[in-house]
Amino acid sequence: MKNDYEIREGVTAIFLKRKDGTVIETIIDTSDLPKAQEIEGAWYALYSKFND
């Protein structure tokens, strides 16, 4: 995983860059971090008009 992340009391925030340059966070359980780190590429956020 090429994303920056921060471990916070049992959860991990993964920082996702959007096309417009903003950064948002997604939260995973820290016990799942090794699985996320196995991903070779970067995670990113994709806007969906259906999320409004």
PDB file of N, CA and C in Angstrom:
ATOM      1  N   MET A   1       0.853  -1.179   0.000  1.00  0.00           N
ATOM      2  CA  MET A   1       0.000   0.000   0.000  1.00  0.00           C
ATOM      3  C   MET A   1       0.892   1.233   0.000  1.00  0.00           C
ATOM      4  N   LYS A   2       0.619   2.120  -0.920  1.00  0.00           N
ATOM      5  CA  LYS A   2       1.446   3.311  -1.052  1.00  0.00           C
ATOM      6  C   LYS A   2       0.893   4.505  -0.268  1.00  0.00           C
ATOM      7  N   ASN A   3      -0.261   4.365   0.342  1.00  0.00           N
ATOM      8  CA  ASN A   3      -0.874   5.468   1.074  1.00  0.00           C
ATOM      9  C   ASN A   3      -0.208   5.677   2.429  1.00  0.00           C
ATOM     10  N   ASP A   4      -0.240   6.927   2.883  1.00  0.00           N
ATOM     11  CA  ASP A   4       0.144   7.220   4.256  1.00  0.00           C
ATOM     12  C   ASP A   4      -0.987   6.744   5.162  1.00  0.00           C
ATOM     13  N   TYR A   5      -0.649   6.423   6.402  1.00  0.00           N
ATOM     14  CA  TYR A   5      -1.662   5.994   7.361  1.00  0.00           C
ATOM     15  C   TYR A   5      -1.217   6.375   8.762  1.00  0.00           C
ATOM     16  N   GLU A   6      -2.165   6.320   9.695  1.00  0.00           N
ATOM     17  CA  GLU A   6      -1.899   6.660  11.086  1.00  0.00           C
ATOM     18  C   GLU A   6      -2.666   5.693  11.974  1.00  0.00           C
ATOM     19  N   ILE A   7      -1.970   5.094  12.929  1.00  0.00           N
ATOM     20  CA  ILE A   7      -2.611   4.167  13.867  1.00  0.00           C
ATOM     21  C   ILE A   7      -3.135   4.964  15.051  1.00  0.00           C
ATOM     22  N   ARG A   8      -4.411   4.728  15.387  1.00  0.00           N
ATOM     23  CA  ARG A   8      -5.094   5.465  16.458  1.00  0.00           C
ATOM     24  C   ARG A   8      -5.876   4.505  17.343  1.00  0.00           C
ATOM     25  N   GLU A   9      -5.338   4.122  18.457  1.00  0.00           N
ATOM     26  CA  GLU A   9      -6.057   3.331  19.470  1.00  0.00           C
ATOM     27  C   GLU A   9      -6.905   2.196  18.893  1.00  0.00           C
ATOM     28  N   GLY A  10      -6.303   1.291  18.188  1.00  0.00           N
ATOM     29  CA  GLY A  10      -7.019   0.118  17.691  1.00  0.00           C
ATOM     30  C   GLY A  10      -7.583   0.234  16.303  1.00  0.00           C
ATOM     31  N   VAL A  11      -7.595   1.448  15.758  1.00  0.00           N
ATOM     32  CA  VAL A  11      -8.031   1.631  14.373  1.00  0.00           C
ATOM     33  C   VAL A  11      -6.916   2.324  13.611  1.00  0.00           C
ATOM     34  N   THR A  12      -6.956   2.185  12.308  1.00  0.00           N
ATOM     35  CA  THR A  12      -5.953   2.827  11.459  1.00  0.00           C
ATOM     36  C   THR A  12      -6.670   3.698  10.442  1.00  0.00           C
ATOM     37  N   ALA A  13      -6.240   4.953  10.342  1.00  0.00           N
ATOM     38  CA  ALA A  13      -6.761   5.876   9.335  1.00  0.00           C
ATOM     39  C   ALA A  13      -5.845   5.797   8.120  1.00  0.00           C
ATOM     40  N   ILE A  14      -6.415   5.516   6.969  1.00  0.00           N
ATOM     41  CA  ILE A  14      -5.669   5.506   5.711  1.00  0.00           C
ATOM     42  C   ILE A  14      -6.075   6.769   4.956  1.00  0.00           C
ATOM     43  N   PHE A  15      -5.085   7.534   4.527  1.00  0.00           N
ATOM     44  CA  PHE A  15      -5.338   8.816   3.867  1.00  0.00           C
ATOM     45  C   PHE A  15      -5.456   8.601   2.368  1.00  0.00           C
ATOM     46  N   LEU A  16      -6.591   9.023   1.824  1.00  0.00           N
ATOM     47  CA  LEU A  16      -6.911   8.826   0.409  1.00  0.00           C
ATOM     48  C   LEU A  16      -6.907  10.167  -0.309  1.00  0.00           C
ATOM     49  N   LYS A  17      -6.173  10.246  -1.404  1.00  0.00           N
ATOM     50  CA  LYS A  17      -6.137  11.471  -2.189  1.00  0.00           C
ATOM     51  C   LYS A  17      -7.221  11.420  -3.256  1.00  0.00           C
ATOM     52  N   ARG A  18      -7.889  12.568  -3.427  1.00  0.00           N
ATOM     53  CA  ARG A  18      -8.883  12.695  -4.494  1.00  0.00           C
ATOM     54  C   ARG A  18      -8.250  13.415  -5.674  1.00  0.00           C
ATOM     55  N   LYS A  19      -8.906  13.355  -6.814  1.00  0.00           N
ATOM     56  CA  LYS A  19      -8.373  13.987  -8.024  1.00  0.00           C
ATOM     57  C   LYS A  19      -8.182  15.491  -7.851  1.00  0.00           C
ATOM     58  N   ASP A  20      -9.011  16.126  -7.017  1.00  0.00           N
ATOM     59  CA  ASP A  20      -8.906  17.573  -6.825  1.00  0.00           C
ATOM     60  C   ASP A  20      -7.835  17.959  -5.802  1.00  0.00           C
ATOM     61  N   GLY A  21      -7.097  16.976  -5.288  1.00  0.00           N
ATOM     62  CA  GLY A  21      -6.005  17.252  -4.361  1.00  0.00           C
ATOM     63  C   GLY A  21      -6.375  17.170  -2.889  1.00  0.00           C
ATOM     64  N   THR A  22      -7.659  17.080  -2.590  1.00  0.00           N
ATOM     65  CA  THR A  22      -8.052  16.956  -1.196  1.00  0.00           C
ATOM     66  C   THR A  22      -7.745  15.552  -0.694  1.00  0.00           C
ATOM     67  N   VAL A  23      -7.648  15.437   0.604  1.00  0.00           N
ATOM     68  CA  VAL A  23      -7.358  14.158   1.236  1.00  0.00           C
ATOM     69  C   VAL A  23      -8.483  13.824   2.204  1.00  0.00           C
ATOM     70  N   ILE A  24      -8.986  12.604   2.125  1.00  0.00           N
ATOM     71  CA  ILE A  24      -9.986  12.127   3.075  1.00  0.00           C
ATOM     72  C   ILE A  24      -9.439  10.870   3.738  1.00  0.00           C
ATOM     73  N   GLU A  25     -10.109  10.440   4.790  1.00  0.00           N
ATOM     74  CA  GLU A  25      -9.657   9.263   5.527  1.00  0.00           C
ATOM     75  C   GLU A  25     -10.663   8.135   5.419  1.00  0.00           C
ATOM     76  N   THR A  26     -10.151   6.933   5.417  1.00  0.00           N
ATOM     77  CA  THR A  26     -10.980   5.763   5.620  1.00  0.00           C
ATOM     78  C   THR A  26     -10.399   5.026   6.823  1.00  0.00           C
ATOM     79  N   ILE A  27     -11.246   4.402   7.594  1.00  0.00           N
ATOM     80  CA  ILE A  27     -10.831   3.765   8.836  1.00  0.00           C
ATOM     81  C   ILE A  27     -10.939   2.247   8.699  1.00  0.00           C
ATOM     82  N   ILE A  28      -9.881   1.559   9.114  1.00  0.00           N
ATOM     83  CA  ILE A  28      -9.906   0.094   9.169  1.00  0.00           C
ATOM     84  C   ILE A  28      -9.462  -0.343  10.560  1.00  0.00           C
ATOM     85  N   ASP A  29      -9.770  -1.545  10.916  1.00  0.00           N
ATOM     86  CA  ASP A  29      -9.277  -2.108  12.169  1.00  0.00           C
ATOM     87  C   ASP A  29      -7.776  -2.340  12.011  1.00  0.00           C
ATOM     88  N   THR A  30      -7.005  -1.969  13.014  1.00  0.00           N
ATOM     89  CA  THR A  30      -5.551  -2.103  12.926  1.00  0.00           C
ATOM     90  C   THR A  30      -5.119  -3.552  12.710  1.00  0.00           C
ATOM     91  N   SER A  31      -5.901  -4.496  13.161  1.00  0.00           N
ATOM     92  CA  SER A  31      -5.543  -5.905  12.926  1.00  0.00           C
ATOM     93  C   SER A  31      -5.583  -6.253  11.440  1.00  0.00           C
ATOM     94  N   ASP A  32      -6.296  -5.457  10.628  1.00  0.00           N
ATOM     95  CA  ASP A  32      -6.351  -5.677   9.175  1.00  0.00           C
ATOM     96  C   ASP A  32      -5.266  -4.926   8.411  1.00  0.00           C
ATOM     97  N   LEU A  33      -4.443  -4.143   9.105  1.00  0.00           N
ATOM     98  CA  LEU A  33      -3.414  -3.354   8.429  1.00  0.00           C
ATOM     99  C   LEU A  33      -2.436  -4.213   7.630  1.00  0.00           C
ATOM    100  N   PRO A  34      -1.958  -5.344   8.148  1.00  0.00           N
ATOM    101  CA  PRO A  34      -1.046  -6.157   7.325  1.00  0.00           C
ATOM    102  C   PRO A  34      -1.663  -6.579   5.986  1.00  0.00           C
ATOM    103  N   LYS A  35      -2.964  -6.860   5.969  1.00  0.00           N
ATOM    104  CA  LYS A  35      -3.632  -7.212   4.706  1.00  0.00           C
ATOM    105  C   LYS A  35      -3.633  -6.017   3.754  1.00  0.00           C
ATOM    106  N   ALA A  36      -3.926  -4.832   4.295  1.00  0.00           N
ATOM    107  CA  ALA A  36      -3.952  -3.626   3.466  1.00  0.00           C
ATOM    108  C   ALA A  36      -2.567  -3.319   2.910  1.00  0.00           C
ATOM    109  N   GLN A  37      -1.535  -3.572   3.694  1.00  0.00           N
ATOM    110  CA  GLN A  37      -0.176  -3.292   3.254  1.00  0.00           C
ATOM    111  C   GLN A  37       0.289  -4.236   2.152  1.00  0.00           C
ATOM    112  N   GLU A  38      -0.375  -5.355   1.977  1.00  0.00           N
ATOM    113  CA  GLU A  38      -0.042  -6.287   0.894  1.00  0.00           C
ATOM    114  C   GLU A  38      -0.446  -5.753  -0.475  1.00  0.00           C
ATOM    115  N   ILE A  39      -1.340  -4.785  -0.505  1.00  0.00           N
ATOM    116  CA  ILE A  39      -1.787  -4.207  -1.776  1.00  0.00           C
ATOM    117  C   ILE A  39      -0.649  -3.378  -2.355  1.00  0.00           C
ATOM    118  N   GLU A  40      -0.293  -3.635  -3.590  1.00  0.00           N
ATOM    119  CA  GLU A  40       0.864  -2.974  -4.197  1.00  0.00           C
ATOM    120  C   GLU A  40       0.596  -1.541  -4.622  1.00  0.00           C
ATOM    121  N   GLY A  41      -0.608  -1.232  -4.987  1.00  0.00           N
ATOM    122  CA  GLY A  41      -0.934   0.113  -5.457  1.00  0.00           C
ATOM    123  C   GLY A  41      -1.399   1.022  -4.341  1.00  0.00           C
ATOM    124  N   ALA A  42      -1.918   2.164  -4.730  1.00  0.00           N
ATOM    125  CA  ALA A  42      -2.447   3.137  -3.781  1.00  0.00           C
ATOM    126  C   ALA A  42      -3.972   3.065  -3.763  1.00  0.00           C
ATOM    127  N   TRP A  43      -4.540   3.358  -2.604  1.00  0.00           N
ATOM    128  CA  TRP A  43      -5.982   3.492  -2.480  1.00  0.00           C
ATOM    129  C   TRP A  43      -6.325   4.927  -2.852  1.00  0.00           C
ATOM    130  N   TYR A  44      -7.520   5.141  -3.392  1.00  0.00           N
ATOM    131  CA  TYR A  44      -7.949   6.493  -3.698  1.00  0.00           C
ATOM    132  C   TYR A  44      -9.450   6.599  -3.479  1.00  0.00           C
ATOM    133  N   ALA A  45      -9.906   7.825  -3.365  1.00  0.00           N
ATOM    134  CA  ALA A  45     -11.331   8.094  -3.151  1.00  0.00           C
ATOM    135  C   ALA A  45     -11.964   8.475  -4.478  1.00  0.00           C
ATOM    136  N   LEU A  46     -13.118   7.944  -4.725  1.00  0.00           N
ATOM    137  CA  LEU A  46     -13.855   8.224  -5.947  1.00  0.00           C
ATOM    138  C   LEU A  46     -15.226   8.755  -5.562  1.00  0.00           C
ATOM    139  N   TYR A  47     -15.560   9.940  -6.036  1.00  0.00           N
ATOM    140  CA  TYR A  47     -16.849  10.545  -5.752  1.00  0.00           C
ATOM    141  C   TYR A  47     -17.949   9.825  -6.525  1.00  0.00           C
ATOM    142  N   SER A  48     -19.045   9.609  -5.862  1.00  0.00           N
ATOM    143  CA  SER A  48     -20.223   9.040  -6.518  1.00  0.00           C
ATOM    144  C   SER A  48     -21.416   9.928  -6.220  1.00  0.00           C
ATOM    145  N   LYS A  49     -22.140  10.324  -7.236  1.00  0.00           N
ATOM    146  CA  LYS A  49     -23.314  11.166  -7.020  1.00  0.00           C
ATOM    147  C   LYS A  49     -24.377  10.430  -6.212  1.00  0.00           C
ATOM    148  N   PHE A  50     -24.280   9.114  -6.105  1.00  0.00           N
ATOM    149  CA  PHE A  50     -25.247   8.333  -5.355  1.00  0.00           C
ATOM    150  C   PHE A  50     -24.991   8.364  -3.846  1.00  0.00           C
ATOM    151  N   ASN A  51     -23.864   8.962  -3.426  1.00  0.00           N
ATOM    152  CA  ASN A  51     -23.529   9.049  -1.998  1.00  0.00           C
ATOM    153  C   ASN A  51     -24.088  10.299  -1.343  1.00  0.00           C
ATOM    154  N   ASP A  52     -24.713  11.187  -2.100  1.00  0.00           N
ATOM    155  CA  ASP A  52     -25.278  12.422  -1.519  1.00  0.00           C
ATOM    156  C   ASP A  52     -26.550  12.158  -0.766  1.00  0.00           C
TER     157      ASP A  52
END
